[in-house]
Protein backbone atom coordinates (compact mmCIF):
# COMPACT_ATOMS: atom_id res chain seq x y z
CA MET A 1 -10.30 90.81 94.28
CA SER A 2 -8.97 94.30 94.87
CA GLN A 3 -7.23 96.29 92.18
CA HIS A 4 -3.76 97.63 92.92
CA GLU A 5 -2.27 100.41 90.89
CA ILE A 6 1.51 100.52 90.66
CA VAL A 7 2.97 104.00 90.60
CA VAL A 8 6.26 103.84 88.73
CA LEU A 9 8.79 106.63 89.11
CA THR A 10 11.23 107.04 86.23
CA ASP A 11 13.40 109.94 87.33
CA ALA A 12 15.41 108.27 90.08
CA SER A 13 18.96 107.10 90.70
CA LEU A 14 20.66 104.83 93.22
CA ILE A 15 23.66 106.23 95.07
CA THR A 16 25.96 103.54 96.43
CA CYS A 17 28.59 104.68 98.90
CA ILE A 18 31.22 102.35 100.35
CA VAL A 19 32.97 103.80 103.39
CA GLN A 20 35.23 102.77 106.25
CA ARG A 21 33.40 101.15 109.13
CA GLY A 22 31.95 103.74 111.50
CA TYR A 23 31.23 106.42 108.88
CA ALA A 24 27.83 105.26 107.59
CA ASP A 25 25.77 107.10 110.19
CA ASP A 26 27.44 110.41 109.31
CA VAL A 27 26.96 109.79 105.57
CA VAL A 28 23.28 108.90 106.00
CA ALA A 29 22.68 111.93 108.24
CA ALA A 30 24.23 114.17 105.57
CA ALA A 31 22.09 112.58 102.85
CA ARG A 32 18.91 113.01 104.90
CA GLY A 33 19.87 116.61 105.62
CA ALA A 34 20.19 117.12 101.86
CA GLY A 35 16.70 115.75 101.20
CA ALA A 36 17.09 111.96 100.87
CA GLN A 37 14.23 110.03 102.46
CA GLY A 38 16.11 107.04 103.84
CA ALA A 39 18.91 104.56 103.33
CA THR A 40 19.86 100.92 103.46
CA ILE A 41 23.15 100.07 105.17
CA HIS A 42 24.89 96.71 105.06
CA TYR A 43 28.38 95.49 105.81
CA GLY A 44 31.11 94.06 103.64
CA ARG A 45 34.78 93.28 103.54
CA GLY A 46 37.04 94.91 101.02
CA THR A 47 40.25 93.61 99.51
CA GLY A 48 43.18 95.36 97.95
CA VAL A 49 46.33 97.19 99.00
CA ARG A 50 45.56 97.03 102.72
CA GLU A 51 45.73 93.21 102.65
CA ARG A 52 49.50 93.43 102.26
CA LEU A 53 49.95 95.74 105.25
CA GLY A 54 49.55 93.16 107.99
CA ILE A 55 52.37 92.31 110.40
CA LEU A 56 54.31 89.19 109.37
CA GLY A 57 52.18 88.79 106.28
CA LEU A 58 48.91 88.48 108.19
CA VAL A 59 45.88 89.81 106.36
CA VAL A 60 44.42 93.12 107.57
CA GLU A 61 40.63 92.93 107.37
CA ALA A 62 39.10 95.95 105.67
CA GLU A 63 35.56 96.13 107.07
CA LYS A 64 33.28 98.42 105.08
CA GLU A 65 29.82 99.88 105.38
CA ILE A 66 27.79 100.01 102.17
CA ILE A 67 25.04 102.62 101.90
CA ASN A 68 22.32 102.55 99.23
CA ILE A 69 20.06 105.54 98.76
CA VAL A 70 17.43 106.08 96.06
CA VAL A 71 16.97 109.75 95.19
CA ALA A 72 15.04 111.74 92.60
CA ASP A 73 17.29 112.90 89.78
CA ASP A 74 16.73 116.56 90.68
CA GLN A 75 18.23 115.86 94.15
CA LEU A 76 21.08 113.68 92.92
CA ASP A 77 23.96 116.15 92.69
CA HIS A 78 23.21 117.83 96.02
CA VAL A 79 22.82 114.56 97.96
CA PHE A 80 25.90 113.05 96.24
CA GLU A 81 28.08 116.02 97.23
CA LYS A 82 26.93 115.99 100.87
CA MET A 83 27.55 112.24 101.14
CA PHE A 84 31.01 112.58 99.57
CA LEU A 85 32.03 115.23 102.09
CA ALA A 86 30.54 113.41 105.12
CA GLY A 87 32.35 110.19 104.18
CA LYS A 88 35.63 112.08 103.75
CA LEU A 89 35.99 110.45 100.34
CA ASP A 90 38.50 113.12 99.32
CA THR A 91 40.99 111.28 101.59
CA PRO A 92 42.94 108.32 100.14
CA GLY A 93 41.61 104.94 101.23
CA MET A 94 38.36 106.22 102.74
CA GLY A 95 36.00 104.74 100.18
CA VAL A 96 34.22 105.12 96.88
CA MET A 97 30.81 106.29 95.71
CA TYR A 98 28.93 105.83 92.44
CA VAL A 99 25.52 106.39 90.86
CA THR A 100 23.35 103.88 89.01
CA ARG A 101 20.49 105.23 86.88
CA LEU A 102 17.21 103.45 87.56
CA ASP A 103 14.68 102.75 84.81
CA LYS A 104 11.81 102.15 87.22
CA VAL A 105 11.19 102.58 90.92
CA ALA A 106 7.98 101.37 92.57
CA THR A 107 6.96 101.82 96.19
CA TYR A 108 4.05 103.11 98.20
CA VAL A 109 3.27 106.70 97.28
CA PRO A 110 0.70 108.53 99.46
CA GLU A 111 -2.46 109.67 97.64
CA GLU A 112 -1.73 113.41 98.05
CA ILE A 113 1.71 112.99 96.46
CA ARG A 114 0.33 110.77 93.67
CA LYS A 115 -2.12 113.53 92.75
CA LYS A 116 0.71 116.05 92.51
CA LEU A 117 2.84 113.68 90.43
CA LEU A 118 0.06 112.72 88.05
CA GLY A 119 -1.22 116.28 87.70
């Protein structure tokens, strides 16, 4: 039976960004340009004020794209700012973004990076 060593990173955060449909690619490109390694994108439907805007009381669907990106804490502020600007979140109704601190993150870490991390 082979032994597997789990490398646990403890200085990471999850950025969740919810944007209008069609903006996720720009937000992810901005995050990658700021140093993020990758992203997960999925789709959702929002509710709220826009529901009441339909003609004759019909519901207006508010399709959203939800982006999740795990970043090292030392990259957090820079990546967060670039994502905010790319998603045009300074415009009313464009979306929302928040950060969740992560206690542990485990994934494959190449040997050369593990050596640097572990000293």
